[in-house]
Amino acid sequence: IGLEVGADDYLVKPFSMRELQARVAALFRRPRSSDA
C-alpha cells in the first residue's frame, strides 16, 4: 500500500542509521535532470 500510493522506498523499524543513509544516497543517485 505504501508503494502504491507513491512512496519510493519502505524501511521497517527498528533500522540502522547506516541503512537509512544508504537508501537516501541511492535515491539521490537517480538522474534528476534531462541532461542526466
PDB file of all heavy atoms in Angstrom:
ATOM      1  N   ILE A   1       0.836  -1.197   0.000  1.00  0.00           N
ATOM      2  CA  ILE A   1       0.000   0.000   0.000  1.00  0.00           C
ATOM      3  C   ILE A   1       0.874   1.251   0.000  1.00  0.00           C
ATOM      4  O   ILE A   1       0.613   2.215  -0.727  1.00  0.00           O
ATOM      5  CB  ILE A   1      -0.950   0.004   1.208  1.00  0.00           C
ATOM      6  CG1 ILE A   1      -2.015  -1.098   1.047  1.00  0.00           C
ATOM      7  CG2 ILE A   1      -1.631   1.366   1.366  1.00  0.00           C
ATOM      8  CD1 ILE A   1      -2.889  -1.291   2.266  1.00  0.00           C
ATOM      9  N   GLY A   2       1.923   1.252   0.812  1.00  0.00           N
ATOM     10  CA  GLY A   2       2.818   2.403   0.856  1.00  0.00           C
ATOM     11  C   GLY A   2       3.428   2.704  -0.497  1.00  0.00           C
ATOM     12  O   GLY A   2       3.484   3.858  -0.934  1.00  0.00           O
ATOM     13  N   LEU A   3       3.890   1.676  -1.189  1.00  0.00           N
ATOM     14  CA  LEU A   3       4.470   1.867  -2.509  1.00  0.00           C
ATOM     15  C   LEU A   3       3.407   2.271  -3.526  1.00  0.00           C
ATOM     16  O   LEU A   3       3.660   3.085  -4.417  1.00  0.00           O
ATOM     17  CB  LEU A   3       5.180   0.587  -2.962  1.00  0.00           C
ATOM     18  CG  LEU A   3       6.400   0.193  -2.134  1.00  0.00           C
ATOM     19  CD1 LEU A   3       6.883  -1.196  -2.521  1.00  0.00           C
ATOM     20  CD2 LEU A   3       7.530   1.207  -2.289  1.00  0.00           C
ATOM     21  N   GLU A   4       2.210   1.706  -3.378  1.00  0.00           N
ATOM     22  CA  GLU A   4       1.148   2.005  -4.340  1.00  0.00           C
ATOM     23  C   GLU A   4       0.724   3.462  -4.290  1.00  0.00           C
ATOM     24  O   GLU A   4       0.384   4.058  -5.317  1.00  0.00           O
ATOM     25  CB  GLU A   4      -0.067   1.103  -4.094  1.00  0.00           C
ATOM     26  CG  GLU A   4      -1.182   1.309  -5.104  1.00  0.00           C
ATOM     27  CD  GLU A   4      -2.315   0.323  -4.923  1.00  0.00           C
ATOM     28  OE1 GLU A   4      -2.165  -0.628  -4.147  1.00  0.00           O
ATOM     29  OE2 GLU A   4      -3.362   0.521  -5.568  1.00  0.00           O
ATOM     30  N   VAL A   5       0.718   4.070  -3.106  1.00  0.00           N
ATOM     31  CA  VAL A   5       0.274   5.459  -3.004  1.00  0.00           C
ATOM     32  C   VAL A   5       1.404   6.449  -3.283  1.00  0.00           C
ATOM     33  O   VAL A   5       1.193   7.659  -3.206  1.00  0.00           O
ATOM     34  CB  VAL A   5      -0.358   5.767  -1.628  1.00  0.00           C
ATOM     35  CG1 VAL A   5      -1.596   4.931  -1.425  1.00  0.00           C
ATOM     36  CG2 VAL A   5       0.640   5.567  -0.498  1.00  0.00           C
ATOM     37  N   GLY A   6       2.598   5.948  -3.615  1.00  0.00           N
ATOM     38  CA  GLY A   6       3.613   6.863  -4.101  1.00  0.00           C
ATOM     39  C   GLY A   6       4.932   6.895  -3.373  1.00  0.00           C
ATOM     40  O   GLY A   6       5.818   7.672  -3.738  1.00  0.00           O
ATOM     41  N   ALA A   7       5.126   6.071  -2.343  1.00  0.00           N
ATOM     42  CA  ALA A   7       6.427   6.050  -1.667  1.00  0.00           C
ATOM     43  C   ALA A   7       7.491   5.465  -2.590  1.00  0.00           C
ATOM     44  O   ALA A   7       7.210   4.581  -3.403  1.00  0.00           O
ATOM     45  CB  ALA A   7       6.348   5.235  -0.378  1.00  0.00           C
ATOM     46  N   ASP A   8       8.706   5.963  -2.465  1.00  0.00           N
ATOM     47  CA  ASP A   8       9.817   5.450  -3.272  1.00  0.00           C
ATOM     48  C   ASP A   8      10.527   4.283  -2.592  1.00  0.00           C
ATOM     49  O   ASP A   8      11.146   3.468  -3.259  1.00  0.00           O
ATOM     50  CB  ASP A   8      10.833   6.570  -3.524  1.00  0.00           C
ATOM     51  CG  ASP A   8      10.250   7.685  -4.364  1.00  0.00           C
ATOM     52  OD1 ASP A   8      10.023   7.454  -5.560  1.00  0.00           O
ATOM     53  OD2 ASP A   8       9.994   8.776  -3.823  1.00  0.00           O
ATOM     54  N   ASP A   9      10.440   4.214  -1.273  1.00  0.00           N
ATOM     55  CA  ASP A   9      11.110   3.144  -0.539  1.00  0.00           C
ATOM     56  C   ASP A   9      10.373   2.934   0.779  1.00  0.00           C
ATOM     57  O   ASP A   9       9.581   3.790   1.208  1.00  0.00           O
ATOM     58  CB  ASP A   9      12.579   3.498  -0.286  1.00  0.00           C
ATOM     59  CG  ASP A   9      13.453   2.266  -0.073  1.00  0.00           C
ATOM     60  OD1 ASP A   9      12.899   1.167   0.112  1.00  0.00           O
ATOM     61  OD2 ASP A   9      14.687   2.422  -0.089  1.00  0.00           O
ATOM     62  N   TYR A  10      10.629   1.792   1.423  1.00  0.00           N
ATOM     63  CA  TYR A  10       9.934   1.421   2.663  1.00  0.00           C
ATOM     64  C   TYR A  10      10.956   0.802   3.591  1.00  0.00           C
ATOM     65  O   TYR A  10      11.574  -0.213   3.263  1.00  0.00           O
ATOM     66  CB  TYR A  10       8.810   0.431   2.353  1.00  0.00           C
ATOM     67  CG  TYR A  10       7.806   0.221   3.468  1.00  0.00           C
ATOM     68  CD1 TYR A  10       6.513   0.718   3.355  1.00  0.00           C
ATOM     69  CD2 TYR A  10       8.130  -0.502   4.610  1.00  0.00           C
ATOM     70  CE1 TYR A  10       5.570   0.521   4.353  1.00  0.00           C
ATOM     71  CE2 TYR A  10       7.198  -0.709   5.615  1.00  0.00           C
ATOM     72  CZ  TYR A  10       5.915  -0.196   5.481  1.00  0.00           C
ATOM     73  OH  TYR A  10       4.974  -0.394   6.474  1.00  0.00           O
ATOM     74  N   LEU A  11      11.138   1.416   4.738  1.00  0.00           N
ATOM     75  CA  LEU A  11      12.125   0.962   5.711  1.00  0.00           C
ATOM     76  C   LEU A  11      11.412   0.587   7.005  1.00  0.00           C
ATOM     77  O   LEU A  11      10.615   1.373   7.526  1.00  0.00           O
ATOM     78  CB  LEU A  11      13.133   2.084   5.968  1.00  0.00           C
ATOM     79  CG  LEU A  11      14.392   1.779   6.773  1.00  0.00           C
ATOM     80  CD1 LEU A  11      15.190   0.656   6.114  1.00  0.00           C
ATOM     81  CD2 LEU A  11      15.246   3.031   6.878  1.00  0.00           C
ATOM     82  N   VAL A  12      11.680  -0.628   7.498  1.00  0.00           N
ATOM     83  CA  VAL A  12      10.975  -1.142   8.673  1.00  0.00           C
ATOM     84  C   VAL A  12      11.756  -0.831   9.948  1.00  0.00           C
ATOM     85  O   VAL A  12      12.972  -1.047  10.018  1.00  0.00           O
ATOM     86  CB  VAL A  12      10.753  -2.660   8.544  1.00  0.00           C
ATOM     87  CG1 VAL A  12      10.127  -3.222   9.814  1.00  0.00           C
ATOM     88  CG2 VAL A  12       9.861  -2.966   7.342  1.00  0.00           C
ATOM     89  N   LYS A  13      11.051  -0.314  10.955  1.00  0.00           N
ATOM     90  CA  LYS A  13      11.650  -0.105  12.272  1.00  0.00           C
ATOM     91  C   LYS A  13      11.755  -1.441  13.011  1.00  0.00           C
ATOM     92  O   LYS A  13      10.869  -2.287  12.865  1.00  0.00           O
ATOM     93  CB  LYS A  13      10.783   0.843  13.103  1.00  0.00           C
ATOM     94  CG  LYS A  13      10.663   2.245  12.563  1.00  0.00           C
ATOM     95  CD  LYS A  13       9.721   3.044  13.463  1.00  0.00           C
ATOM     96  CE  LYS A  13       9.538   4.467  12.985  1.00  0.00           C
ATOM     97  NZ  LYS A  13       8.587   5.223  13.847  1.00  0.00           N
ATOM     98  N   PRO A  14      12.767  -1.653  13.841  1.00  0.00           N
ATOM     99  CA  PRO A  14      13.933  -0.787  14.015  1.00  0.00           C
ATOM    100  C   PRO A  14      14.894  -0.938  12.834  1.00  0.00           C
ATOM    101  O   PRO A  14      14.954  -1.998  12.198  1.00  0.00           O
ATOM    102  CB  PRO A  14      14.558  -1.301  15.306  1.00  0.00           C
ATOM    103  CG  PRO A  14      14.182  -2.750  15.345  1.00  0.00           C
ATOM    104  CD  PRO A  14      12.817  -2.840  14.720  1.00  0.00           C
ATOM    105  N   PHE A  15      15.622   0.106  12.543  1.00  0.00           N
ATOM    106  CA  PHE A  15      16.557   0.100  11.423  1.00  0.00           C
ATOM    107  C   PHE A  15      17.825   0.810  11.869  1.00  0.00           C
ATOM    108  O   PHE A  15      17.836   1.547  12.855  1.00  0.00           O
ATOM    109  CB  PHE A  15      15.958   0.802  10.203  1.00  0.00           C
ATOM    110  CG  PHE A  15      15.571   2.233  10.491  1.00  0.00           C
ATOM    111  CD1 PHE A  15      16.459   3.267  10.261  1.00  0.00           C
ATOM    112  CD2 PHE A  15      14.321   2.537  11.003  1.00  0.00           C
ATOM    113  CE1 PHE A  15      16.107   4.577  10.540  1.00  0.00           C
ATOM    114  CE2 PHE A  15      13.951   3.844  11.272  1.00  0.00           C
ATOM    115  CZ  PHE A  15      14.856   4.871  11.048  1.00  0.00           C
ATOM    116  N   SER A  16      18.887   0.588  11.122  1.00  0.00           N
ATOM    117  CA  SER A  16      20.142   1.263  11.441  1.00  0.00           C
ATOM    118  C   SER A  16      20.222   2.575  10.670  1.00  0.00           C
ATOM    119  O   SER A  16      19.688   2.691   9.559  1.00  0.00           O
ATOM    120  CB  SER A  16      21.340   0.378  11.086  1.00  0.00           C
ATOM    121  OG  SER A  16      21.509   0.302   9.681  1.00  0.00           O
ATOM    122  N   MET A  17      20.877   3.556  11.257  1.00  0.00           N
ATOM    123  CA  MET A  17      21.064   4.833  10.578  1.00  0.00           C
ATOM    124  C   MET A  17      21.897   4.666   9.317  1.00  0.00           C
ATOM    125  O   MET A  17      21.705   5.369   8.323  1.00  0.00           O
ATOM    126  CB  MET A  17      21.722   5.842  11.518  1.00  0.00           C
ATOM    127  CG  MET A  17      20.815   6.335  12.625  1.00  0.00           C
ATOM    128  SD  MET A  17      19.392   7.291  11.984  1.00  0.00           S
ATOM    129  CE  MET A  17      18.045   6.231  12.537  1.00  0.00           C
ATOM    130  N   ARG A  18      22.803   3.696   9.328  1.00  0.00           N
ATOM    131  CA  ARG A  18      23.613   3.452   8.130  1.00  0.00           C
ATOM    132  C   ARG A  18      22.741   2.956   6.975  1.00  0.00           C
ATOM    133  O   ARG A  18      22.977   3.313   5.828  1.00  0.00           O
ATOM    134  CB  ARG A  18      24.707   2.432   8.437  1.00  0.00           C
ATOM    135  CG  ARG A  18      25.790   2.957   9.381  1.00  0.00           C
ATOM    136  CD  ARG A  18      26.881   1.928   9.609  1.00  0.00           C
ATOM    137  NE  ARG A  18      27.577   1.598   8.383  1.00  0.00           N
ATOM    138  CZ  ARG A  18      28.535   0.665   8.295  1.00  0.00           C
ATOM    139  NH1 ARG A  18      28.883  -0.027   9.376  1.00  0.00           N
ATOM    140  NH2 ARG A  18      29.131   0.432   7.150  1.00  0.00           N
ATOM    141  N   GLU A  19      21.736   2.134   7.297  1.00  0.00           N
ATOM    142  CA  GLU A  19      20.846   1.660   6.234  1.00  0.00           C
ATOM    143  C   GLU A  19      20.031   2.820   5.666  1.00  0.00           C
ATOM    144  O   GLU A  19      19.875   2.944   4.449  1.00  0.00           O
ATOM    145  CB  GLU A  19      19.911   0.573   6.744  1.00  0.00           C
ATOM    146  CG  GLU A  19      18.983   0.030   5.657  1.00  0.00           C
ATOM    147  CD  GLU A  19      18.064  -1.082   6.133  1.00  0.00           C
ATOM    148  OE1 GLU A  19      18.042  -1.361   7.350  1.00  0.00           O
ATOM    149  OE2 GLU A  19      17.369  -1.657   5.277  1.00  0.00           O
ATOM    150  N   LEU A  20      19.502   3.677   6.540  1.00  0.00           N
ATOM    151  CA  LEU A  20      18.762   4.834   6.055  1.00  0.00           C
ATOM    152  C   LEU A  20      19.657   5.728   5.213  1.00  0.00           C
ATOM    153  O   LEU A  20      19.248   6.209   4.146  1.00  0.00           O
ATOM    154  CB  LEU A  20      18.196   5.625   7.234  1.00  0.00           C
ATOM    155  CG  LEU A  20      17.472   6.930   6.882  1.00  0.00           C
ATOM    156  CD1 LEU A  20      16.290   6.670   5.953  1.00  0.00           C
ATOM    157  CD2 LEU A  20      17.012   7.643   8.148  1.00  0.00           C
ATOM    158  N   GLN A  21      20.873   5.949   5.666  1.00  0.00           N
ATOM    159  CA  GLN A  21      21.814   6.764   4.918  1.00  0.00           C
ATOM    160  C   GLN A  21      22.057   6.185   3.528  1.00  0.00           C
ATOM    161  O   GLN A  21      22.078   6.909   2.520  1.00  0.00           O
ATOM    162  CB  GLN A  21      23.142   6.870   5.676  1.00  0.00           C
ATOM    163  CG  GLN A  21      24.181   7.751   5.010  1.00  0.00           C
ATOM    164  CD  GLN A  21      25.469   7.806   5.815  1.00  0.00           C
ATOM    165  OE1 GLN A  21      25.829   6.850   6.514  1.00  0.00           O
ATOM    166  NE2 GLN A  21      26.158   8.918   5.757  1.00  0.00           N
ATOM    167  N   ALA A  22      22.205   4.848   3.436  1.00  0.00           N
ATOM    168  CA  ALA A  22      22.451   4.194   2.153  1.00  0.00           C
ATOM    169  C   ALA A  22      21.246   4.329   1.232  1.00  0.00           C
ATOM    170  O   ALA A  22      21.394   4.551   0.021  1.00  0.00           O
ATOM    171  CB  ALA A  22      22.788   2.726   2.378  1.00  0.00           C
ATOM    172  N   ARG A  23      20.058   4.218   1.796  1.00  0.00           N
ATOM    173  CA  ARG A  23      18.857   4.301   0.959  1.00  0.00           C
ATOM    174  C   ARG A  23      18.628   5.721   0.453  1.00  0.00           C
ATOM    175  O   ARG A  23      18.214   5.916  -0.694  1.00  0.00           O
ATOM    176  CB  ARG A  23      17.654   3.793   1.736  1.00  0.00           C
ATOM    177  CG  ARG A  23      17.753   2.315   2.072  1.00  0.00           C
ATOM    178  CD  ARG A  23      16.421   1.735   2.471  1.00  0.00           C
ATOM    179  NE  ARG A  23      16.551   0.343   2.864  1.00  0.00           N
ATOM    180  CZ  ARG A  23      15.587  -0.548   2.705  1.00  0.00           C
ATOM    181  NH1 ARG A  23      14.444  -0.206   2.157  1.00  0.00           N
ATOM    182  NH2 ARG A  23      15.763  -1.787   3.103  1.00  0.00           N
ATOM    183  N   VAL A  24      18.891   6.702   1.298  1.00  0.00           N
ATOM    184  CA  VAL A  24      18.778   8.091   0.850  1.00  0.00           C
ATOM    185  C   VAL A  24      19.791   8.363  -0.262  1.00  0.00           C
ATOM    186  O   VAL A  24      19.463   8.961  -1.290  1.00  0.00           O
ATOM    187  CB  VAL A  24      18.995   9.062   2.028  1.00  0.00           C
ATOM    188  CG1 VAL A  24      19.121  10.496   1.532  1.00  0.00           C
ATOM    189  CG2 VAL A  24      17.850   8.946   3.021  1.00  0.00           C
ATOM    190  N   ALA A  25      21.018   7.905  -0.068  1.00  0.00           N
ATOM    191  CA  ALA A  25      22.053   8.105  -1.081  1.00  0.00           C
ATOM    192  C   ALA A  25      21.663   7.446  -2.398  1.00  0.00           C
ATOM    193  O   ALA A  25      21.877   8.017  -3.482  1.00  0.00           O
ATOM    194  CB  ALA A  25      23.386   7.556  -0.583  1.00  0.00           C
ATOM    195  N   ALA A  26      21.066   6.245  -2.328  1.00  0.00           N
ATOM    196  CA  ALA A  26      20.650   5.548  -3.541  1.00  0.00           C
ATOM    197  C   ALA A  26      19.576   6.326  -4.286  1.00  0.00           C
ATOM    198  O   ALA A  26      19.606   6.440  -5.516  1.00  0.00           O
ATOM    199  CB  ALA A  26      20.145   4.152  -3.193  1.00  0.00           C
ATOM    200  N   LEU A  27      18.617   6.900  -3.554  1.00  0.00           N
ATOM    201  CA  LEU A  27      17.572   7.690  -4.204  1.00  0.00           C
ATOM    202  C   LEU A  27      18.151   8.893  -4.930  1.00  0.00           C
ATOM    203  O   LEU A  27      17.772   9.191  -6.069  1.00  0.00           O
ATOM    204  CB  LEU A  27      16.552   8.157  -3.165  1.00  0.00           C
ATOM    205  CG  LEU A  27      15.594   7.107  -2.602  1.00  0.00           C
ATOM    206  CD1 LEU A  27      14.711   7.725  -1.524  1.00  0.00           C
ATOM    207  CD2 LEU A  27      14.731   6.501  -3.699  1.00  0.00           C
ATOM    208  N   PHE A  28      19.107   9.571  -4.300  1.00  0.00           N
ATOM    209  CA  PHE A  28      19.637  10.788  -4.890  1.00  0.00           C
ATOM    210  C   PHE A  28      20.688  10.518  -5.959  1.00  0.00           C
ATOM    211  O   PHE A  28      21.164  11.466  -6.598  1.00  0.00           O
ATOM    212  CB  PHE A  28      20.180  11.718  -3.803  1.00  0.00           C
ATOM    213  CG  PHE A  28      19.107  12.503  -3.123  1.00  0.00           C
ATOM    214  CD1 PHE A  28      18.455  11.987  -2.009  1.00  0.00           C
ATOM    215  CD2 PHE A  28      18.698  13.725  -3.617  1.00  0.00           C
ATOM    216  CE1 PHE A  28      17.439  12.694  -1.382  1.00  0.00           C
ATOM    217  CE2 PHE A  28      17.681  14.438  -3.004  1.00  0.00           C
ATOM    218  CZ  PHE A  28      17.041  13.923  -1.886  1.00  0.00           C
ATOM    219  N   ARG A  29      21.029   9.253  -6.171  1.00  0.00           N
ATOM    220  CA  ARG A  29      21.888   8.925  -7.314  1.00  0.00           C
ATOM    221  C   ARG A  29      21.084   8.789  -8.589  1.00  0.00           C
ATOM    222  O   ARG A  29      21.651   8.646  -9.672  1.00  0.00           O
ATOM    223  CB  ARG A  29      22.668   7.632  -7.045  1.00  0.00           C
ATOM    224  CG  ARG A  29      23.864   7.829  -6.122  1.00  0.00           C
ATOM    225  CD  ARG A  29      24.842   6.669  -6.232  1.00  0.00           C
ATOM    226  NE  ARG A  29      24.235   5.403  -5.826  1.00  0.00           N
ATOM    227  CZ  ARG A  29      24.271   4.926  -4.593  1.00  0.00           C
ATOM    228  NH1 ARG A  29      24.850   5.619  -3.629  1.00  0.00           N
ATOM    229  NH2 ARG A  29      23.725   3.754  -4.304  1.00  0.00           N
ATOM    230  N   ARG A  30      19.764   8.808  -8.487  1.00  0.00           N
ATOM    231  CA  ARG A  30      18.945   8.746  -9.699  1.00  0.00           C
ATOM    232  C   ARG A  30      19.099  10.036 -10.493  1.00  0.00           C
ATOM    233  O   ARG A  30      19.239  11.107  -9.916  1.00  0.00           O
ATOM    234  CB  ARG A  30      17.473   8.580  -9.354  1.00  0.00           C
ATOM    235  CG  ARG A  30      17.128   7.329  -8.607  1.00  0.00           C
ATOM    236  CD  ARG A  30      15.621   7.224  -8.530  1.00  0.00           C
ATOM    237  NE  ARG A  30      15.203   6.291  -7.507  1.00  0.00           N
ATOM    238  CZ  ARG A  30      13.938   6.060  -7.202  1.00  0.00           C
ATOM    239  NH1 ARG A  30      12.993   6.712  -7.821  1.00  0.00           N
ATOM    240  NH2 ARG A  30      13.622   5.191  -6.267  1.00  0.00           N
ATOM    241  N   PRO A  31      19.033   9.951 -11.830  1.00  0.00           N
ATOM    242  CA  PRO A  31      19.094  11.183 -12.619  1.00  0.00           C
ATOM    243  C   PRO A  31      17.877  12.049 -12.344  1.00  0.00           C
ATOM    244  O   PRO A  31      16.755  11.583 -12.310  1.00  0.00           O
ATOM    245  CB  PRO A  31      19.090  10.677 -14.071  1.00  0.00           C
ATOM    246  CG  PRO A  31      18.482   9.322 -14.002  1.00  0.00           C
ATOM    247  CD  PRO A  31      18.888   8.760 -12.671  1.00  0.00           C
ATOM    248  N   ARG A  32      18.115  13.363 -12.133  1.00  0.00           N
ATOM    249  CA  ARG A  32      17.022  14.275 -11.818  1.00  0.00           C
ATOM    250  C   ARG A  32      16.852  15.348 -12.879  1.00  0.00           C
ATOM    251  O   ARG A  32      15.931  16.142 -12.813  1.00  0.00           O
ATOM    252  CB  ARG A  32      17.267  14.943 -10.467  1.00  0.00           C
ATOM    253  CG  ARG A  32      17.428  13.954  -9.346  1.00  0.00           C
ATOM    254  CD  ARG A  32      17.404  14.631  -8.009  1.00  0.00           C
ATOM    255  NE  ARG A  32      16.080  15.156  -7.726  1.00  0.00           N
ATOM    256  CZ  ARG A  32      15.805  15.865  -6.634  1.00  0.00           C
ATOM    257  NH1 ARG A  32      16.750  16.147  -5.779  1.00  0.00           N
ATOM    258  NH2 ARG A  32      14.587  16.300  -6.419  1.00  0.00           N
ATOM    259  N   SER A  33      17.753  15.437 -13.844  1.00  0.00           N
ATOM    260  CA  SER A  33      17.638  16.450 -14.886  1.00  0.00           C
ATOM    261  C   SER A  33      17.580  15.784 -16.239  1.00  0.00           C
ATOM    262  O   SER A  33      17.937  14.633 -16.414  1.00  0.00           O
ATOM    263  CB  SER A  33      18.843  17.400 -14.847  1.00  0.00           C
ATOM    264  OG  SER A  33      20.019  16.715 -15.244  1.00  0.00           O
ATOM    265  N   SER A  34      17.143  16.531 -17.237  1.00  0.00           N
ATOM    266  CA  SER A  34      17.041  15.973 -18.587  1.00  0.00           C
ATOM    267  C   SER A  34      18.416  15.609 -19.127  1.00  0.00           C
ATOM    268  O   SER A  34      18.578  14.624 -19.837  1.00  0.00           O
ATOM    269  CB  SER A  34      16.356  16.977 -19.520  1.00  0.00           C
ATOM    270  OG  SER A  34      17.068  18.200 -19.532  1.00  0.00           O
ATOM    271  N   ASP A  35      19.453  16.396 -18.784  1.00  0.00           N
ATOM    272  CA  ASP A  35      20.784  16.082 -19.279  1.00  0.00           C
ATOM    273  C   ASP A  35      21.276  14.766 -18.719  1.00  0.00           C
ATOM    274  O   ASP A  35      21.839  13.939 -19.434  1.00  0.00           O
ATOM    275  CB  ASP A  35      21.767  17.185 -18.889  1.00  0.00           C
ATOM    276  CG  ASP A  35      21.505  18.466 -19.659  1.00  0.00           C
ATOM    277  OD1 ASP A  35      20.817  18.394 -20.690  1.00  0.00           O
ATOM    278  OD2 ASP A  35      21.968  19.531 -19.211  1.00  0.00           O
ATOM    279  N   ALA A  36      21.056  14.568 -17.405  1.00  0.00           N
ATOM    280  CA  ALA A  36      21.485  13.310 -16.789  1.00  0.00           C
ATOM    281  C   ALA A  36      20.717  12.158 -17.381  1.00  0.00           C
ATOM    282  O   ALA A  36      21.259  11.095 -17.649  1.00  0.00           O
ATOM    283  CB  ALA A  36      21.282  13.361 -15.278  1.00  0.00           C
TER     284      ALA A  36
END
